[in-house]
């Protein structure tokens, strides 16, 4: 019996000292980056699956917590990409950086430029990380503002993480003088204004008829003259001859 106990104790000690199974590799304390030519291990794939998995949520607070987590992670990711690009621009030999962007990257040269501009703005203190939007295309609208535009945007509360790209574009357009219009652009503007005024006139006429018993298109009592009903399309409006009423 003593021999059996001694044998079992020896087996237990050996199992504690035994290396982990082959399908569970030891993770080094310092991560080692492998080249892109090396296929990801099972552990890498499992870690990726875990990070991409949807965490079960049942309450508003749980959903909000997970969404905020991924929102912040997305900001850090595109910021890291921009920093790597800026570093590569400094280190790589002439021509290698452009070749890398065109051949090795999953995004365009224009997108790379946006990544770099946003990262530079954050690293130089021009844009605070606390107010950085979650997409580089939105953040880029902020970093391309002039100092005066940036101050005005801050005063209007537009420099915040949840601002939209459309809000920033509309803000910029409201501050900058309009470009010289072509005849076609001016024609479209006038037709749009004409349509808006027609709609407003129809609203006013309906209110006068409904609430005041007056039809300005036909009644003579107050104005002393008959109004003219315009029932042609805006595109067909031309000069009115003297014989028309």
Protein backbone atom coordinates (compact mmCIF):
# COMPACT_ATOMS: atom_id res chain seq x y z
CA UNK A 1 0.00 0.00 0.00
CA UNK A 2 2.91 2.29 0.85
CA UNK A 3 4.40 1.57 -2.57
CA UNK A 4 1.14 2.56 -4.28
CA UNK A 5 0.96 5.83 -2.37
CA UNK A 6 4.59 6.59 -3.18
CA UNK A 7 3.97 5.88 -6.86
CA UNK A 8 0.87 8.11 -6.97
CA UNK A 9 2.79 10.94 -5.23
CA UNK A 10 5.61 10.63 -7.76
CA UNK A 11 3.16 10.78 -10.69
CA UNK A 12 1.50 13.87 -9.25
CA UNK A 13 4.84 15.64 -8.85
CA UNK A 14 5.83 14.81 -12.42
CA UNK A 15 2.53 16.10 -13.79
CA UNK A 16 3.07 19.43 -12.03
CA UNK A 17 6.52 19.80 -13.54
CA UNK A 18 5.46 18.65 -17.01
CA UNK A 19 5.33 21.23 -19.80
CA UNK A 20 1.91 22.34 -21.06
CA UNK A 21 0.29 20.45 -23.93
CA UNK A 22 1.37 21.28 -27.48
CA UNK A 23 -1.93 23.01 -28.32
CA UNK A 24 -1.46 25.50 -25.45
CA UNK A 25 1.87 27.24 -26.07
CA UNK A 26 3.53 29.22 -23.33
CA UNK A 27 2.94 32.96 -23.76
CA UNK A 28 6.12 34.99 -23.33
CA UNK A 29 6.07 37.90 -20.92
CA UNK A 30 7.19 40.17 -23.76
CA UNK A 31 5.10 39.74 -26.92
CA UNK A 32 7.11 38.83 -29.99
CA UNK A 33 5.85 40.22 -33.30
CA UNK A 34 6.03 37.77 -36.15
CA UNK A 35 6.31 38.62 -39.79
CA UNK A 36 3.24 38.60 -41.99
CA UNK A 37 4.55 35.48 -43.73
CA UNK A 38 4.02 33.38 -40.58
CA UNK A 39 0.53 31.93 -40.30
CA UNK A 40 -1.31 32.80 -37.06
CA UNK A 41 -1.24 30.09 -34.40
CA UNK A 42 -4.32 28.48 -32.91
CA UNK A 43 -3.85 30.64 -29.84
CA UNK A 44 -3.74 33.78 -32.00
CA UNK A 45 -6.91 32.76 -33.79
CA UNK A 46 -8.65 32.00 -30.50
CA UNK A 47 -7.61 35.39 -29.10
CA UNK A 48 -8.94 37.08 -32.23
CA UNK A 49 -12.22 35.19 -31.98
CA UNK A 50 -12.57 36.21 -28.33
CA UNK A 51 -11.85 39.88 -29.04
CA UNK A 52 -14.42 39.91 -31.85
CA UNK A 53 -17.07 38.01 -29.91
CA UNK A 54 -20.25 39.79 -28.87
CA UNK A 55 -20.55 39.97 -25.10
CA UNK A 56 -24.07 39.03 -23.91
CA UNK A 57 -25.84 42.20 -22.77
CA UNK A 58 -29.27 42.52 -21.20
CA UNK A 59 -29.52 46.06 -19.84
CA UNK A 60 -29.08 49.55 -21.18
CA UNK A 61 -26.01 50.05 -19.00
CA UNK A 62 -24.37 46.86 -20.28
CA UNK A 63 -24.93 47.76 -23.92
CA UNK A 64 -23.67 51.30 -23.35
CA UNK A 65 -20.55 50.02 -21.62
CA UNK A 66 -19.64 47.65 -24.46
CA UNK A 67 -20.35 50.21 -27.17
CA UNK A 68 -18.21 52.82 -25.42
CA UNK A 69 -15.41 50.28 -25.10
CA UNK A 70 -15.35 49.51 -28.83
CA UNK A 71 -15.79 53.20 -29.67
CA UNK A 72 -12.69 54.09 -27.67
CA UNK A 73 -10.81 51.14 -29.14
CA UNK A 74 -11.60 52.28 -32.68
CA UNK A 75 -10.22 55.75 -31.88
CA UNK A 76 -7.01 54.28 -30.52
CA UNK A 77 -6.64 51.97 -33.51
CA UNK A 78 -6.77 54.61 -36.24
CA UNK A 79 -4.59 56.88 -34.11
CA UNK A 80 -1.99 54.10 -33.84
CA UNK A 81 -2.15 53.58 -37.60
CA UNK A 82 -1.45 57.26 -38.16
CA UNK A 83 1.48 57.19 -35.77
CA UNK A 84 3.00 54.15 -37.49
CA UNK A 85 2.59 55.86 -40.85
CA UNK A 86 4.28 59.03 -39.63
CA UNK A 87 7.12 56.99 -38.15
CA UNK A 88 7.49 55.00 -41.37
CA UNK A 89 7.66 58.24 -43.34
CA UNK A 90 10.59 59.34 -41.19
CA UNK A 91 12.52 56.05 -41.23
CA UNK A 92 11.99 54.35 -44.58
CA UNK A 93 14.29 55.18 -47.50
CA UNK A 94 13.04 57.57 -50.13
CA UNK A 95 10.35 55.93 -52.26
CA UNK A 96 9.72 53.00 -49.91
CA UNK A 97 7.01 54.78 -47.96
CA UNK A 98 4.96 55.64 -51.05
CA UNK A 99 5.46 52.12 -52.42
CA UNK A 100 4.30 50.64 -49.11
CA UNK A 101 1.11 52.73 -49.15
CA UNK A 102 0.31 51.85 -52.75
CA UNK A 103 1.14 48.14 -52.58
CA UNK A 104 1.07 46.89 -49.00
CA UNK A 105 -1.75 48.81 -47.33
CA UNK A 106 -5.49 47.95 -47.38
CA UNK A 107 -6.42 51.65 -47.80
CA UNK A 108 -5.80 54.44 -50.25
CA UNK A 109 -3.18 57.17 -50.25
CA UNK A 110 -5.89 59.69 -49.32
CA UNK A 111 -6.93 57.62 -46.29
CA UNK A 112 -3.30 57.28 -45.20
CA UNK A 113 -2.96 61.06 -45.39
CA UNK A 114 -5.97 61.49 -43.11
CA UNK A 115 -4.56 58.98 -40.60
CA UNK A 116 -1.27 60.86 -40.53
CA UNK A 117 -2.85 64.29 -40.20
CA UNK A 118 -5.03 63.25 -37.28
CA UNK A 119 -2.16 61.53 -35.46
CA UNK A 120 0.07 64.56 -35.90
CA UNK A 121 -2.66 66.89 -34.59
CA UNK A 122 -3.10 64.77 -31.46
CA UNK A 123 0.64 64.31 -30.85
CA UNK A 124 1.34 68.03 -31.21
CA UNK A 125 -1.50 68.94 -28.86
CA UNK A 126 -3.63 70.66 -31.48
CA UNK A 127 -6.46 68.17 -30.90
CA UNK A 128 -7.11 66.56 -27.54
CA UNK A 129 -7.58 62.80 -27.35
CA UNK A 130 -10.60 63.33 -25.08
CA UNK A 131 -12.57 65.00 -27.90
CA UNK A 132 -11.29 62.84 -30.76
CA UNK A 133 -14.17 61.41 -32.86
CA UNK A 134 -14.35 57.69 -33.48
CA UNK A 135 -13.62 57.85 -37.23
CA UNK A 136 -10.61 59.33 -38.96
CA UNK A 137 -12.79 60.94 -41.65
CA UNK A 138 -14.63 62.93 -38.98
CA UNK A 139 -11.50 63.83 -37.04
CA UNK A 140 -9.88 64.99 -40.28
CA UNK A 141 -12.61 67.61 -40.71
CA UNK A 142 -11.50 69.07 -37.38
CA UNK A 143 -7.75 69.04 -37.98
CA UNK A 144 -8.14 70.82 -41.34
CA UNK A 145 -9.88 73.80 -39.72
CA UNK A 146 -8.09 77.12 -39.52
CA UNK A 147 -7.27 78.36 -35.99
CA UNK A 148 -10.18 80.81 -36.16
CA UNK A 149 -12.59 78.11 -37.38
CA UNK A 150 -11.42 75.78 -34.63
CA UNK A 151 -12.10 78.38 -31.95
CA UNK A 152 -15.57 79.07 -33.36
CA UNK A 153 -16.32 75.36 -33.54
CA UNK A 154 -15.31 74.97 -29.90
CA UNK A 155 -17.58 77.88 -28.94
CA UNK A 156 -20.48 76.16 -30.71
CA UNK A 157 -19.80 72.83 -28.98
CA UNK A 158 -18.83 71.00 -32.16
CA UNK A 159 -15.46 69.69 -30.99
CA UNK A 160 -16.66 66.55 -29.26
CA UNK A 161 -16.37 62.77 -29.77
CA UNK A 162 -19.92 62.29 -31.07
CA UNK A 163 -19.93 65.08 -33.64
CA UNK A 164 -20.84 63.99 -37.18
CA UNK A 165 -18.97 64.64 -40.38
CA UNK A 166 -22.02 66.38 -41.86
CA UNK A 167 -22.22 68.79 -38.92
CA UNK A 168 -18.58 69.78 -39.37
CA UNK A 169 -18.88 70.21 -43.13
CA UNK A 170 -21.99 72.36 -42.77
CA UNK A 171 -20.22 74.45 -40.13
CA UNK A 172 -17.25 75.06 -42.43
CA UNK A 173 -19.47 76.04 -45.32
CA UNK A 174 -21.35 78.51 -43.13
CA UNK A 175 -18.11 80.36 -42.40
CA UNK A 176 -16.47 80.35 -45.80
CA UNK A 177 -17.58 82.66 -48.62
CA UNK A 178 -19.42 80.89 -51.44
CA UNK A 179 -17.48 80.12 -54.57
CA UNK A 180 -18.21 81.89 -57.83
CA UNK A 181 -21.39 80.40 -59.23
CA UNK A 182 -21.73 79.21 -62.77
CA UNK A 183 -24.89 80.22 -64.71
CA UNK A 184 -26.28 76.72 -64.19
CA UNK A 185 -25.66 76.89 -60.44
CA UNK A 186 -27.38 80.27 -60.25
CA UNK A 187 -30.31 78.96 -62.29
CA UNK A 188 -30.75 76.04 -59.87
CA UNK A 189 -30.65 78.41 -56.93
CA UNK A 190 -33.30 80.65 -58.44
CA UNK A 191 -35.57 77.74 -59.32
CA UNK A 192 -35.26 76.35 -55.81
CA UNK A 193 -36.10 79.76 -54.34
CA UNK A 194 -39.02 80.14 -56.73
CA UNK A 195 -40.42 76.76 -55.69
CA UNK A 196 -40.02 77.65 -52.01
CA UNK A 197 -41.84 80.96 -52.45
CA UNK A 198 -44.67 79.30 -54.41
CA UNK A 199 -45.15 76.81 -51.60
CA UNK A 200 -45.20 79.60 -49.05
CA UNK A 201 -47.73 81.60 -51.08
CA UNK A 202 -49.98 78.56 -51.24
CA UNK A 203 -49.81 78.21 -47.46
CA UNK A 204 -50.70 81.88 -46.97
CA UNK A 205 -53.60 81.65 -49.43
CA UNK A 206 -54.98 78.56 -47.67
CA UNK A 207 -54.83 80.33 -44.31
CA UNK A 208 -56.57 83.43 -45.68
CA UNK A 209 -59.34 81.36 -47.21
CA UNK A 210 -59.76 79.12 -44.16
CA UNK A 211 -59.50 81.64 -41.34
CA UNK A 212 -60.48 84.96 -42.97
CA UNK A 213 -62.78 84.05 -45.83
CA UNK A 214 -60.56 85.81 -48.35
CA UNK A 215 -59.15 84.41 -51.57
CA UNK A 216 -56.39 86.78 -52.74
CA UNK A 217 -56.41 85.16 -56.16
CA UNK A 218 -60.04 86.10 -56.89
CA UNK A 219 -61.42 88.61 -54.37
CA UNK A 220 -61.54 92.31 -55.42
CA UNK A 221 -62.90 93.80 -52.22
CA UNK A 222 -59.73 94.70 -50.37
CA UNK A 223 -57.03 95.02 -52.95
CA UNK A 224 -59.15 96.42 -55.76
CA UNK A 225 -57.56 94.09 -58.29
CA UNK A 226 -57.55 90.45 -59.15
CA UNK A 227 -54.52 88.34 -58.29
CA UNK A 228 -52.81 86.17 -60.88
CA UNK A 229 -52.58 82.43 -60.40
CA UNK A 230 -49.23 80.99 -61.45
CA UNK A 231 -49.73 77.41 -62.52
CA UNK A 232 -46.79 76.74 -64.80
CA UNK A 233 -43.58 74.93 -63.94
CA UNK A 234 -40.62 77.02 -62.88
CA UNK A 235 -38.61 75.94 -65.91
CA UNK A 236 -41.30 77.34 -68.24
CA UNK A 237 -41.53 80.80 -66.76
CA UNK A 238 -40.57 83.44 -69.31
CA UNK A 239 -41.07 87.15 -69.85
CA UNK A 240 -44.69 88.31 -69.57
CA UNK A 241 -46.00 90.33 -72.52
CA UNK A 242 -47.94 93.53 -72.06
CA UNK A 243 -51.17 91.84 -73.13
CA UNK A 244 -51.08 89.26 -70.36
CA UNK A 245 -52.73 89.82 -67.00
